[in-house]
Amino acid sequence: LKMFLRRLRDGIAQLASGLRVTNPRQCIPLLLLLIVVLYLFMGSACFWFFEHDHHEQNVRKWYMNLAVNRRHFARSISSRIFNDTRNLLIIIDREQSERVQVRSSF
């Protein structure tokens, strides 16, 4: 407790006098932390710069594949539900609706 009070008193005295004695070894952890933070920011900036367009292209491709799979799944379900009847027309997408209109025009 005495040592804590003495250190507290000395610290207050140094702050009051405006003199601050810094040991260079005390700054090493802060310097290392600053270097790690800068390293992370530089790495994330480089990753974003080089991979941003490629990622957007992959996302667009994924959505297109999702739409194709959804259309195929809807066609297969509708054919299974209605036992592939030719008289029952289910309009799922634009292609099928165009085929229906061509058939009905005859």
PDB file of N, CA and C in Angstrom:
ATOM      1  N   LEU A   1       0.830  -1.194   0.000  1.00  0.00           N
ATOM      2  CA  LEU A   1       0.000   0.000   0.000  1.00  0.00           C
ATOM      3  C   LEU A   1       0.870   1.252   0.000  1.00  0.00           C
ATOM      4  N   LYS A   2       1.998   1.200   0.779  1.00  0.00           N
ATOM      5  CA  LYS A   2       2.889   2.357   0.812  1.00  0.00           C
ATOM      6  C   LYS A   2       3.508   2.606  -0.554  1.00  0.00           C
ATOM      7  N   MET A   3       3.879   1.499  -1.221  1.00  0.00           N
ATOM      8  CA  MET A   3       4.507   1.647  -2.525  1.00  0.00           C
ATOM      9  C   MET A   3       3.511   2.238  -3.537  1.00  0.00           C
ATOM     10  N   PHE A   4       2.265   1.807  -3.476  1.00  0.00           N
ATOM     11  CA  PHE A   4       1.239   2.337  -4.365  1.00  0.00           C
ATOM     12  C   PHE A   4       1.028   3.829  -4.122  1.00  0.00           C
ATOM     13  N   LEU A   5       0.953   4.212  -2.871  1.00  0.00           N
ATOM     14  CA  LEU A   5       0.754   5.632  -2.555  1.00  0.00           C
ATOM     15  C   LEU A   5       1.944   6.469  -3.001  1.00  0.00           C
ATOM     16  N   ARG A   6       3.137   5.918  -2.829  1.00  0.00           N
ATOM     17  CA  ARG A   6       4.338   6.655  -3.238  1.00  0.00           C
ATOM     18  C   ARG A   6       4.356   6.831  -4.765  1.00  0.00           C
ATOM     19  N   ARG A   7       4.015   5.754  -5.488  1.00  0.00           N
ATOM     20  CA  ARG A   7       3.989   5.854  -6.950  1.00  0.00           C
ATOM     21  C   ARG A   7       2.897   6.813  -7.415  1.00  0.00           C
ATOM     22  N   LEU A   8       1.765   6.793  -6.743  1.00  0.00           N
ATOM     23  CA  LEU A   8       0.684   7.704  -7.084  1.00  0.00           C
ATOM     24  C   LEU A   8       1.100   9.146  -6.838  1.00  0.00           C
ATOM     25  N   ARG A   9       1.747   9.394  -5.707  1.00  0.00           N
ATOM     26  CA  ARG A   9       2.201  10.743  -5.372  1.00  0.00           C
ATOM     27  C   ARG A   9       3.255  11.214  -6.371  1.00  0.00           C
ATOM     28  N   ASP A  10       4.187  10.316  -6.740  1.00  0.00           N
ATOM     29  CA  ASP A  10       5.219  10.695  -7.709  1.00  0.00           C
ATOM     30  C   ASP A  10       4.608  10.972  -9.086  1.00  0.00           C
ATOM     31  N   GLY A  11       3.623  10.172  -9.460  1.00  0.00           N
ATOM     32  CA  GLY A  11       2.966  10.393 -10.747  1.00  0.00           C
ATOM     33  C   GLY A  11       2.225  11.712 -10.784  1.00  0.00           C
ATOM     34  N   ILE A  12       1.549  12.037  -9.701  1.00  0.00           N
ATOM     35  CA  ILE A  12       0.832  13.315  -9.635  1.00  0.00           C
ATOM     36  C   ILE A  12       1.820  14.467  -9.654  1.00  0.00           C
ATOM     37  N   ALA A  13       2.942  14.301  -8.972  1.00  0.00           N
ATOM     38  CA  ALA A  13       3.962  15.352  -8.961  1.00  0.00           C
ATOM     39  C   ALA A  13       4.548  15.552 -10.355  1.00  0.00           C
ATOM     40  N   GLN A  14       4.769  14.479 -11.093  1.00  0.00           N
ATOM     41  CA  GLN A  14       5.305  14.614 -12.449  1.00  0.00           C
ATOM     42  C   GLN A  14       4.298  15.288 -13.370  1.00  0.00           C
ATOM     43  N   LEU A  15       3.021  14.939 -13.221  1.00  0.00           N
ATOM     44  CA  LEU A  15       2.004  15.584 -14.044  1.00  0.00           C
ATOM     45  C   LEU A  15       1.883  17.064 -13.713  1.00  0.00           C
ATOM     46  N   ALA A  16       1.984  17.382 -12.446  1.00  0.00           N
ATOM     47  CA  ALA A  16       1.864  18.778 -12.032  1.00  0.00           C
ATOM     48  C   ALA A  16       3.061  19.587 -12.502  1.00  0.00           C
ATOM     49  N   SER A  17       4.231  19.003 -12.483  1.00  0.00           N
ATOM     50  CA  SER A  17       5.427  19.747 -12.881  1.00  0.00           C
ATOM     51  C   SER A  17       5.587  19.800 -14.398  1.00  0.00           C
ATOM     52  N   GLY A  18       4.858  18.968 -15.113  1.00  0.00           N
ATOM     53  CA  GLY A  18       4.950  18.984 -16.567  1.00  0.00           C
ATOM     54  C   GLY A  18       6.095  18.147 -17.100  1.00  0.00           C
ATOM     55  N   LEU A  19       6.902  17.596 -16.228  1.00  0.00           N
ATOM     56  CA  LEU A  19       8.001  16.746 -16.656  1.00  0.00           C
ATOM     57  C   LEU A  19       7.498  15.314 -16.743  1.00  0.00           C
ATOM     58  N   ARG A  20       7.811  14.704 -17.827  1.00  0.00           N
ATOM     59  CA  ARG A  20       7.385  13.320 -17.963  1.00  0.00           C
ATOM     60  C   ARG A  20       8.585  12.513 -18.427  1.00  0.00           C
ATOM     61  N   VAL A  21       8.931  11.554 -17.656  1.00  0.00           N
ATOM     62  CA  VAL A  21      10.055  10.704 -17.991  1.00  0.00           C
ATOM     63  C   VAL A  21       9.483   9.439 -18.616  1.00  0.00           C
ATOM     64  N   THR A  22       9.837   9.203 -19.865  1.00  0.00           N
ATOM     65  CA  THR A  22       9.342   8.007 -20.535  1.00  0.00           C
ATOM     66  C   THR A  22      10.495   7.080 -20.835  1.00  0.00           C
ATOM     67  N   ASN A  23      10.246   5.862 -20.588  1.00  0.00           N
ATOM     68  CA  ASN A  23      11.217   4.834 -20.890  1.00  0.00           C
ATOM     69  C   ASN A  23      10.857   4.273 -22.268  1.00  0.00           C
ATOM     70  N   PRO A  24      11.820   4.181 -23.183  1.00  0.00           N
ATOM     71  CA  PRO A  24      11.488   3.664 -24.522  1.00  0.00           C
ATOM     72  C   PRO A  24      10.924   2.245 -24.493  1.00  0.00           C
ATOM     73  N   ARG A  25      11.266   1.464 -23.506  1.00  0.00           N
ATOM     74  CA  ARG A  25      10.754   0.098 -23.420  1.00  0.00           C
ATOM     75  C   ARG A  25       9.258   0.077 -23.096  1.00  0.00           C
ATOM     76  N   GLN A  26       8.736   1.146 -22.531  1.00  0.00           N
ATOM     77  CA  GLN A  26       7.311   1.195 -22.222  1.00  0.00           C
ATOM     78  C   GLN A  26       6.463   1.368 -23.484  1.00  0.00           C
ATOM     79  N   CYS A  27       7.050   1.885 -24.534  1.00  0.00           N
ATOM     80  CA  CYS A  27       6.309   2.140 -25.775  1.00  0.00           C
ATOM     81  C   CYS A  27       6.272   0.927 -26.702  1.00  0.00           C
ATOM     82  N   ILE A  28       7.053  -0.096 -26.430  1.00  0.00           N
ATOM     83  CA  ILE A  28       7.132  -1.247 -27.333  1.00  0.00           C
ATOM     84  C   ILE A  28       5.781  -1.955 -27.496  1.00  0.00           C
ATOM     85  N   PRO A  29       5.021  -2.249 -26.447  1.00  0.00           N
ATOM     86  CA  PRO A  29       3.717  -2.904 -26.667  1.00  0.00           C
ATOM     87  C   PRO A  29       2.752  -2.057 -27.504  1.00  0.00           C
ATOM     88  N   LEU A  30       2.744  -0.755 -27.268  1.00  0.00           N
ATOM     89  CA  LEU A  30       1.874   0.110 -28.064  1.00  0.00           C
ATOM     90  C   LEU A  30       2.325   0.156 -29.520  1.00  0.00           C
ATOM     91  N   LEU A  31       3.630   0.169 -29.722  1.00  0.00           N
ATOM     92  CA  LEU A  31       4.161   0.167 -31.075  1.00  0.00           C
ATOM     93  C   LEU A  31       3.810  -1.136 -31.798  1.00  0.00           C
ATOM     94  N   LEU A  32       3.932  -2.257 -31.108  1.00  0.00           N
ATOM     95  CA  LEU A  32       3.566  -3.543 -31.706  1.00  0.00           C
ATOM     96  C   LEU A  32       2.073  -3.598 -32.032  1.00  0.00           C
ATOM     97  N   LEU A  33       1.255  -3.091 -31.137  1.00  0.00           N
ATOM     98  CA  LEU A  33      -0.187  -3.059 -31.382  1.00  0.00           C
ATOM     99  C   LEU A  33      -0.516  -2.186 -32.592  1.00  0.00           C
ATOM    100  N   LEU A  34       0.140  -1.051 -32.697  1.00  0.00           N
ATOM    101  CA  LEU A  34      -0.068  -0.163 -33.838  1.00  0.00           C
ATOM    102  C   LEU A  34       0.360  -0.839 -35.142  1.00  0.00           C
ATOM    103  N   ILE A  35       1.474  -1.550 -35.113  1.00  0.00           N
ATOM    104  CA  ILE A  35       1.949  -2.255 -36.308  1.00  0.00           C
ATOM    105  C   ILE A  35       0.957  -3.343 -36.716  1.00  0.00           C
ATOM    106  N   VAL A  36       0.426  -4.087 -35.754  1.00  0.00           N
ATOM    107  CA  VAL A  36      -0.544  -5.141 -36.069  1.00  0.00           C
ATOM    108  C   VAL A  36      -1.815  -4.547 -36.670  1.00  0.00           C
ATOM    109  N   VAL A  37      -2.291  -3.449 -36.113  1.00  0.00           N
ATOM    110  CA  VAL A  37      -3.506  -2.812 -36.635  1.00  0.00           C
ATOM    111  C   VAL A  37      -3.270  -2.306 -38.060  1.00  0.00           C
ATOM    112  N   LEU A  38      -2.130  -1.666 -38.299  1.00  0.00           N
ATOM    113  CA  LEU A  38      -1.817  -1.200 -39.648  1.00  0.00           C
ATOM    114  C   LEU A  38      -1.686  -2.366 -40.626  1.00  0.00           C
ATOM    115  N   TYR A  39      -1.084  -3.446 -40.176  1.00  0.00           N
ATOM    116  CA  TYR A  39      -0.933  -4.637 -41.020  1.00  0.00           C
ATOM    117  C   TYR A  39      -2.300  -5.206 -41.406  1.00  0.00           C
ATOM    118  N   LEU A  40      -3.213  -5.256 -40.444  1.00  0.00           N
ATOM    119  CA  LEU A  40      -4.558  -5.763 -40.734  1.00  0.00           C
ATOM    120  C   LEU A  40      -5.308  -4.855 -41.707  1.00  0.00           C
ATOM    121  N   PHE A  41      -5.208  -3.547 -41.505  1.00  0.00           N
ATOM    122  CA  PHE A  41      -5.879  -2.625 -42.412  1.00  0.00           C
ATOM    123  C   PHE A  41      -5.299  -2.693 -43.818  1.00  0.00           C
ATOM    124  N   MET A  42      -3.984  -2.799 -43.926  1.00  0.00           N
ATOM    125  CA  MET A  42      -3.360  -2.906 -45.249  1.00  0.00           C
ATOM    126  C   MET A  42      -3.779  -4.212 -45.930  1.00  0.00           C
ATOM    127  N   GLY A  43      -3.800  -5.305 -45.182  1.00  0.00           N
ATOM    128  CA  GLY A  43      -4.209  -6.582 -45.757  1.00  0.00           C
ATOM    129  C   GLY A  43      -5.650  -6.568 -46.213  1.00  0.00           C
ATOM    130  N   SER A  44      -6.527  -6.001 -45.404  1.00  0.00           N
ATOM    131  CA  SER A  44      -7.941  -5.952 -45.798  1.00  0.00           C
ATOM    132  C   SER A  44      -8.147  -5.023 -46.989  1.00  0.00           C
ATOM    133  N   ALA A  45      -7.397  -3.922 -47.048  1.00  0.00           N
ATOM    134  CA  ALA A  45      -7.512  -3.019 -48.195  1.00  0.00           C
ATOM    135  C   ALA A  45      -7.031  -3.699 -49.475  1.00  0.00           C
ATOM    136  N   CYS A  46      -5.934  -4.425 -49.400  1.00  0.00           N
ATOM    137  CA  CYS A  46      -5.433  -5.151 -50.579  1.00  0.00           C
ATOM    138  C   CYS A  46      -6.419  -6.233 -51.000  1.00  0.00           C
ATOM    139  N   PHE A  47      -6.959  -6.959 -50.047  1.00  0.00           N
ATOM    140  CA  PHE A  47      -7.932  -8.005 -50.375  1.00  0.00           C
ATOM    141  C   PHE A  47      -9.155  -7.397 -51.045  1.00  0.00           C
ATOM    142  N   TRP A  48      -9.646  -6.304 -50.507  1.00  0.00           N
ATOM    143  CA  TRP A  48     -10.819  -5.660 -51.092  1.00  0.00           C
ATOM    144  C   TRP A  48     -10.507  -5.157 -52.497  1.00  0.00           C
ATOM    145  N   PHE A  49      -9.332  -4.566 -52.687  1.00  0.00           N
ATOM    146  CA  PHE A  49      -8.967  -4.005 -53.986  1.00  0.00           C
ATOM    147  C   PHE A  49      -8.860  -5.091 -55.054  1.00  0.00           C
ATOM    148  N   PHE A  50      -8.235  -6.220 -54.716  1.00  0.00           N
ATOM    149  CA  PHE A  50      -7.988  -7.254 -55.717  1.00  0.00           C
ATOM    150  C   PHE A  50      -9.154  -8.229 -55.894  1.00  0.00           C
ATOM    151  N   GLU A  51      -9.961  -8.442 -54.876  1.00  0.00           N
ATOM    152  CA  GLU A  51     -10.989  -9.479 -54.938  1.00  0.00           C
ATOM    153  C   GLU A  51     -12.408  -8.942 -55.079  1.00  0.00           C
ATOM    154  N   HIS A  52     -12.598  -7.636 -55.045  1.00  0.00           N
ATOM    155  CA  HIS A  52     -13.935  -7.066 -55.051  1.00  0.00           C
ATOM    156  C   HIS A  52     -14.697  -7.436 -56.329  1.00  0.00           C
ATOM    157  N   ASP A  53     -14.096  -7.227 -57.494  1.00  0.00           N
ATOM    158  CA  ASP A  53     -14.782  -7.516 -58.754  1.00  0.00           C
ATOM    159  C   ASP A  53     -15.037  -9.006 -58.924  1.00  0.00           C
ATOM    160  N   HIS A  54     -14.069  -9.812 -58.547  1.00  0.00           N
ATOM    161  CA  HIS A  54     -14.221 -11.262 -58.667  1.00  0.00           C
ATOM    162  C   HIS A  54     -15.372 -11.750 -57.787  1.00  0.00           C
ATOM    163  N   HIS A  55     -15.494 -11.188 -56.595  1.00  0.00           N
ATOM    164  CA  HIS A  55     -16.572 -11.584 -55.684  1.00  0.00           C
ATOM    165  C   HIS A  55     -17.935 -11.193 -56.257  1.00  0.00           C
ATOM    166  N   GLU A  56     -18.038  -9.988 -56.804  1.00  0.00           N
ATOM    167  CA  GLU A  56     -19.314  -9.568 -57.390  1.00  0.00           C
ATOM    168  C   GLU A  56     -19.705 -10.466 -58.556  1.00  0.00           C
ATOM    169  N   GLN A  57     -18.715 -10.872 -59.353  1.00  0.00           N
ATOM    170  CA  GLN A  57     -18.993 -11.766 -60.472  1.00  0.00           C
ATOM    171  C   GLN A  57     -19.490 -13.122 -59.967  1.00  0.00           C
ATOM    172  N   ASN A  58     -18.876 -13.628 -58.907  1.00  0.00           N
ATOM    173  CA  ASN A  58     -19.327 -14.900 -58.343  1.00  0.00           C
ATOM    174  C   ASN A  58     -20.738 -14.800 -57.781  1.00  0.00           C
ATOM    175  N   VAL A  59     -21.064 -13.683 -57.156  1.00  0.00           N
ATOM    176  CA  VAL A  59     -22.413 -13.500 -56.601  1.00  0.00           C
ATOM    177  C   VAL A  59     -23.443 -13.461 -57.725  1.00  0.00           C
ATOM    178  N   ARG A  60     -23.136 -12.737 -58.815  1.00  0.00           N
ATOM    179  CA  ARG A  60     -24.059 -12.694 -59.950  1.00  0.00           C
ATOM    180  C   ARG A  60     -24.263 -14.083 -60.555  1.00  0.00           C
ATOM    181  N   LYS A  61     -23.170 -14.829 -60.688  1.00  0.00           N
ATOM    182  CA  LYS A  61     -23.261 -16.184 -61.244  1.00  0.00           C
ATOM    183  C   LYS A  61     -24.096 -17.081 -60.333  1.00  0.00           C
ATOM    184  N   TRP A  62     -23.931 -16.916 -59.018  1.00  0.00           N
ATOM    185  CA  TRP A  62     -24.694 -17.715 -58.066  1.00  0.00           C
ATOM    186  C   TRP A  62     -26.182 -17.423 -58.179  1.00  0.00           C
ATOM    187  N   TYR A  63     -26.552 -16.137 -58.309  1.00  0.00           N
ATOM    188  CA  TYR A  63     -27.964 -15.785 -58.453  1.00  0.00           C
ATOM    189  C   TYR A  63     -28.543 -16.308 -59.769  1.00  0.00           C
ATOM    190  N   MET A  64     -27.757 -16.281 -60.838  1.00  0.00           N
ATOM    191  CA  MET A  64     -28.245 -16.818 -62.112  1.00  0.00           C
ATOM    192  C   MET A  64     -28.471 -18.324 -62.007  1.00  0.00           C
ATOM    193  N   ASN A  65     -27.534 -19.029 -61.386  1.00  0.00           N
ATOM    194  CA  ASN A  65     -27.705 -20.475 -61.203  1.00  0.00           C
ATOM    195  C   ASN A  65     -28.900 -20.782 -60.313  1.00  0.00           C
ATOM    196  N   LEU A  66     -29.117 -19.939 -59.314  1.00  0.00           N
ATOM    197  CA  LEU A  66     -30.271 -20.119 -58.438  1.00  0.00           C
ATOM    198  C   LEU A  66     -31.575 -19.976 -59.220  1.00  0.00           C
ATOM    199  N   ALA A  67     -31.635 -18.986 -60.106  1.00  0.00           N
ATOM    200  CA  ALA A  67     -32.846 -18.791 -60.912  1.00  0.00           C
ATOM    201  C   ALA A  67     -33.071 -19.969 -61.854  1.00  0.00           C
ATOM    202  N   VAL A  68     -32.000 -20.467 -62.467  1.00  0.00           N
ATOM    203  CA  VAL A  68     -32.133 -21.610 -63.378  1.00  0.00           C
ATOM    204  C   VAL A  68     -32.597 -22.839 -62.613  1.00  0.00           C
ATOM    205  N   ASN A  69     -31.994 -23.082 -61.462  1.00  0.00           N
ATOM    206  CA  ASN A  69     -32.387 -24.246 -60.659  1.00  0.00           C
ATOM    207  C   ASN A  69     -33.828 -24.127 -60.175  1.00  0.00           C
ATOM    208  N   ARG A  70     -34.231 -22.935 -59.805  1.00  0.00           N
ATOM    209  CA  ARG A  70     -35.602 -22.724 -59.338  1.00  0.00           C
ATOM    210  C   ARG A  70     -36.596 -23.001 -60.469  1.00  0.00           C
ATOM    211  N   ARG A  71     -36.290 -22.527 -61.676  1.00  0.00           N
ATOM    212  CA  ARG A  71     -37.159 -22.753 -62.822  1.00  0.00           C
ATOM    213  C   ARG A  71     -37.251 -24.248 -63.141  1.00  0.00           C
ATOM    214  N   HIS A  72     -36.109 -24.924 -63.126  1.00  0.00           N
ATOM    215  CA  HIS A  72     -36.088 -26.367 -63.406  1.00  0.00           C
ATOM    216  C   HIS A  72     -36.875 -27.137 -62.339  1.00  0.00           C
ATOM    217  N   PHE A  73     -36.704 -26.750 -61.088  1.00  0.00           N
ATOM    218  CA  PHE A  73     -37.411 -27.405 -59.990  1.00  0.00           C
ATOM    219  C   PHE A  73     -38.916 -27.186 -60.110  1.00  0.00           C
ATOM    220  N   ALA A  74     -39.326 -25.971 -60.463  1.00  0.00           N
ATOM    221  CA  ALA A  74     -40.757 -25.681 -60.613  1.00  0.00           C
ATOM    222  C   ALA A  74     -41.355 -26.493 -61.755  1.00  0.00           C
ATOM    223  N   ARG A  75     -40.626 -26.629 -62.852  1.00  0.00           N
ATOM    224  CA  ARG A  75     -41.128 -27.436 -63.967  1.00  0.00           C
ATOM    225  C   ARG A  75     -41.264 -28.902 -63.574  1.00  0.00           C
ATOM    226  N   SER A  76     -40.260 -29.429 -62.878  1.00  0.00           N
ATOM    227  CA  SER A  76     -40.324 -30.847 -62.503  1.00  0.00           C
ATOM    228  C   SER A  76     -41.445 -31.107 -61.499  1.00  0.00           C
ATOM    229  N   ILE A  77     -41.650 -30.193 -60.568  1.00  0.00           N
ATOM    230  CA  ILE A  77     -42.732 -30.370 -59.592  1.00  0.00           C
ATOM    231  C   ILE A  77     -44.091 -30.291 -60.278  1.00  0.00           C
ATOM    232  N   SER A  78     -44.260 -29.308 -61.153  1.00  0.00           N
ATOM    233  CA  SER A  78     -45.564 -29.171 -61.812  1.00  0.00           C
ATOM    234  C   SER A  78     -45.868 -30.377 -62.688  1.00  0.00           C
ATOM    235  N   SER A  79     -44.847 -30.933 -63.343  1.00  0.00           N
ATOM    236  CA  SER A  79     -45.110 -32.122 -64.166  1.00  0.00           C
ATOM    237  C   SER A  79     -45.433 -33.329 -63.295  1.00  0.00           C
ATOM    238  N   ARG A  80     -44.815 -33.433 -62.126  1.00  0.00           N
ATOM    239  CA  ARG A  80     -45.124 -34.563 -61.241  1.00  0.00           C
ATOM    240  C   ARG A  80     -46.490 -34.411 -60.585  1.00  0.00           C
ATOM    241  N   ILE A  81     -46.852 -33.204 -60.228  1.00  0.00           N
ATOM    242  CA  ILE A  81     -48.134 -32.987 -59.547  1.00  0.00           C
ATOM    243  C   ILE A  81     -49.293 -33.326 -60.474  1.00  0.00           C
ATOM    244  N   PHE A  82     -49.208 -32.878 -61.712  1.00  0.00           N
ATOM    245  CA  PHE A  82     -50.331 -33.039 -62.628  1.00  0.00           C
ATOM    246  C   PHE A  82     -50.117 -34.175 -63.625  1.00  0.00           C
ATOM    247  N   ASN A  83     -49.210 -35.084 -63.344  1.00  0.00           N
ATOM    248  CA  ASN A  83     -48.980 -36.293 -64.147  1.00  0.00           C
ATOM    249  C   ASN A  83     -48.758 -35.998 -65.628  1.00  0.00           C
ATOM    250  N   ASP A  84     -48.082 -34.934 -65.921  1.00  0.00           N
ATOM    251  CA  ASP A  84     -47.720 -34.552 -67.297  1.00  0.00           C
ATOM    252  C   ASP A  84     -48.922 -34.458 -68.233  1.00  0.00           C
ATOM    253  N   THR A  85     -50.027 -33.941 -67.750  1.00  0.00           N
ATOM    254  CA  THR A  85     -51.198 -33.797 -68.620  1.00  0.00           C
ATOM    255  C   THR A  85     -50.957 -32.669 -69.608  1.00  0.00           C
ATOM    256  N   ARG A  86     -51.392 -32.865 -70.834  1.00  0.00           N
ATOM    257  CA  ARG A  86     -51.162 -31.858 -71.870  1.00  0.00           C
ATOM    258  C   ARG A  86     -52.231 -30.771 -71.827  1.00  0.00           C
ATOM    259  N   ASN A  87     -53.395 -31.088 -71.270  1.00  0.00           N
ATOM    260  CA  ASN A  87     -54.480 -30.116 -71.269  1.00  0.00           C
ATOM    261  C   ASN A  87     -54.333 -29.070 -70.167  1.00  0.00           C
ATOM    262  N   LEU A  88     -53.588 -29.412 -69.114  1.00  0.00           N
ATOM    263  CA  LEU A  88     -53.426 -28.479 -68.010  1.00  0.00           C
ATOM    264  C   LEU A  88     -52.161 -27.660 -68.235  1.00  0.00           C
ATOM    265  N   LEU A  89     -52.324 -26.363 -68.366  1.00  0.00           N
ATOM    266  CA  LEU A  89     -51.181 -25.498 -68.649  1.00  0.00           C
ATOM    267  C   LEU A  89     -50.828 -24.708 -67.398  1.00  0.00           C
ATOM    268  N   ILE A  90     -49.604 -24.824 -67.003  1.00  0.00           N
ATOM    269  CA  ILE A  90     -49.121 -24.049 -65.861  1.00  0.00           C
ATOM    270  C   ILE A  90     -48.029 -23.132 -66.374  1.00  0.00           C
ATOM    271  N   ILE A  91     -48.248 -21.873 -66.212  1.00  0.00           N
ATOM    272  CA  ILE A  91     -47.278 -20.903 -66.714  1.00  0.00           C
ATOM    273  C   ILE A  91     -46.278 -20.620 -65.602  1.00  0.00           C
ATOM    274  N   ILE A  92     -45.055 -21.052 -65.828  1.00  0.00           N
ATOM    275  CA  ILE A  92     -44.021 -20.902 -64.806  1.00  0.00           C
ATOM    276  C   ILE A  92     -43.127 -19.712 -65.104  1.00  0.00           C
ATOM    277  N   ASP A  93     -42.723 -19.593 -66.349  1.00  0.00           N
ATOM    278  CA  ASP A  93     -41.815 -18.511 -66.691  1.00  0.00           C
ATOM    279  C   ASP A  93     -42.143 -17.995 -68.089  1.00  0.00           C
ATOM    280  N   ARG A  94     -41.361 -17.090 -68.581  1.00  0.00           N
ATOM    281  CA  ARG A  94     -41.621 -16.421 -69.848  1.00  0.00           C
ATOM    282  C   ARG A  94     -41.568 -17.401 -71.028  1.00  0.00           C
ATOM    283  N   GLU A  95     -40.597 -18.312 -71.019  1.00  0.00           N
ATOM    284  CA  GLU A  95     -40.469 -19.260 -72.128  1.00  0.00           C
ATOM    285  C   GLU A  95     -41.716 -20.130 -72.257  1.00  0.00           C
ATOM    286  N   GLN A  96     -42.176 -20.623 -71.138  1.00  0.00           N
ATOM    287  CA  GLN A  96     -43.344 -21.501 -71.188  1.00  0.00           C
ATOM    288  C   GLN A  96     -44.590 -20.720 -71.581  1.00  0.00           C
ATOM    289  N   SER A  97     -44.722 -19.482 -71.119  1.00  0.00           N
ATOM    290  CA  SER A  97     -45.897 -18.692 -71.488  1.00  0.00           C
ATOM    291  C   SER A  97     -45.885 -18.380 -72.983  1.00  0.00           C
ATOM    292  N   GLU A  98     -44.705 -18.171 -73.572  1.00  0.00           N
ATOM    293  CA  GLU A  98     -44.631 -17.953 -75.018  1.00  0.00           C
ATOM    294  C   GLU A  98     -45.024 -19.212 -75.779  1.00  0.00           C
ATOM    295  N   ARG A  99     -44.599 -20.376 -75.302  1.00  0.00           N
ATOM    296  CA  ARG A  99     -44.990 -21.630 -75.951  1.00  0.00           C
ATOM    297  C   ARG A  99     -46.498 -21.837 -75.873  1.00  0.00           C
ATOM    298  N   VAL A 100     -47.081 -21.478 -74.739  1.00  0.00           N
ATOM    299  CA  VAL A 100     -48.530 -21.626 -74.568  1.00  0.00           C
ATOM    300  C   VAL A 100     -49.257 -20.715 -75.539  1.00  0.00           C
ATOM    301  N   GLN A 101     -48.784 -19.504 -75.708  1.00  0.00           N
ATOM    302  CA  GLN A 101     -49.435 -18.579 -76.627  1.00  0.00           C
ATOM    303  C   GLN A 101     -49.306 -19.051 -78.071  1.00  0.00           C
ATOM    304  N   VAL A 102     -48.162 -19.642 -78.414  1.00  0.00           N
ATOM    305  CA  VAL A 102     -47.986 -20.164 -79.769  1.00  0.00           C
ATOM    306  C   VAL A 102     -48.927 -21.336 -79.996  1.00  0.00           C
ATOM    307  N   ARG A 103     -49.060 -22.234 -79.024  1.00  0.00           N
ATOM    308  CA  ARG A 103     -49.962 -23.382 -79.139  1.00  0.00           C
ATOM    309  C   ARG A 103     -51.416 -22.943 -79.258  1.00  0.00           C
ATOM    310  N   SER A 104     -51.780 -21.937 -78.450  1.00  0.00           N
ATOM    311  CA  SER A 104     -53.185 -21.525 -78.440  1.00  0.00           C
ATOM    312  C   SER A 104     -53.556 -20.749 -79.700  1.00  0.00           C
ATOM    313  N   SER A 105     -52.581 -20.241 -80.418  1.00  0.00           N
ATOM    314  CA  SER A 105     -52.898 -19.485 -81.632  1.00  0.00           C
ATOM    315  C   SER A 105     -53.290 -20.396 -82.788  1.00  0.00           C
ATOM    316  N   PHE A 106     -52.975 -21.700 -82.719  1.00  0.00           N
ATOM    317  CA  PHE A 106     -53.343 -22.639 -83.790  1.00  0.00           C
ATOM    318  C   PHE A 106     -54.771 -22.942 -83.733  1.00  0.00           C
TER     319      PHE A 106
END
